[in-house]
Amino acid sequence: MFNHKHPYAPFIKDDTKKLIVGTLPPPRFTTGKLLEKDVDFCYGSYYNSLWLYIDKIHDLGLLYDNSQEAIDQRKQFLIAHKIGVCDIVNSAQREKVDASDLGMLNIKLRDVIGYLKQYPSIDTLLFTGGNSKNGPEYFFRKHIKDYNIKLHLVSKITPKIHQFELPTKTNKPYRVIKTVSLTSGSGAANIAIGSNPLYKQLKAKNPKFNTFDFRVMQYREYL
């Protein structure tokens, strides 16, 4: 069994407002055997595409390599936009060494609710995937059962939006936190995008419009 441990601590600052929540980076980030275009940081896999979307939206001119400069570029963006990263899976085991969410076994989750209590400025969670098995929203739903917290649907249009009430120790009994389930950057999610009515409409108007463009359009509102 391969022990797939998350290589990065949560990246959160005192003024962080939005928190990106995924599962685990590919196993090579645990072993340190990065590819030439990988960046040794959260969502650093060149094939994950999250930073490609962000780069396209903000025209950042990001580097895609193993350099410290590439890491610093991403940290500077997150800090400037008050965005943090806290993947929900701390570790898992795998029989097959790959990045499949469904291949994770003996999963141990991070205490995301604990981080929300520690950083009261956070008001939004951005899941990099929906409620499919072993996705970030799926794990979050399991996690909040321990706190007797429930998600309440706000919008069922992709990306689905929920909210929940987090009890506080201040003069307000709770604070409301929004969750947004962004379309995953995985290739498997392309099938769901292909059947999306809005995607079909935009594709009919512009045959060059593709699944990357669709994600950029969606992510632009939140990142």
Foldseek 3Di string as FASTA:
>chain_A
DDKQFAPDAKFADLQAAEEEEWAHDASCLVVVNDDAQAENDVVRHPLQCPVVLVCVLVVQPAGRGHDPVNVVSVSVVCVVVSYIYDYFWRIFDAPDRTDDLVRGHPTDTDQVLVVCQVRVNYAEYEFQADCPPSTRPVVVQVNCVVVVKDWAWDDPQPQTKTKIWAAHPDPDRTHIHMYTGAQGSDPVSQVVLVPRPVSVVVCVVPVVDGPSNVSSVVCSVPD
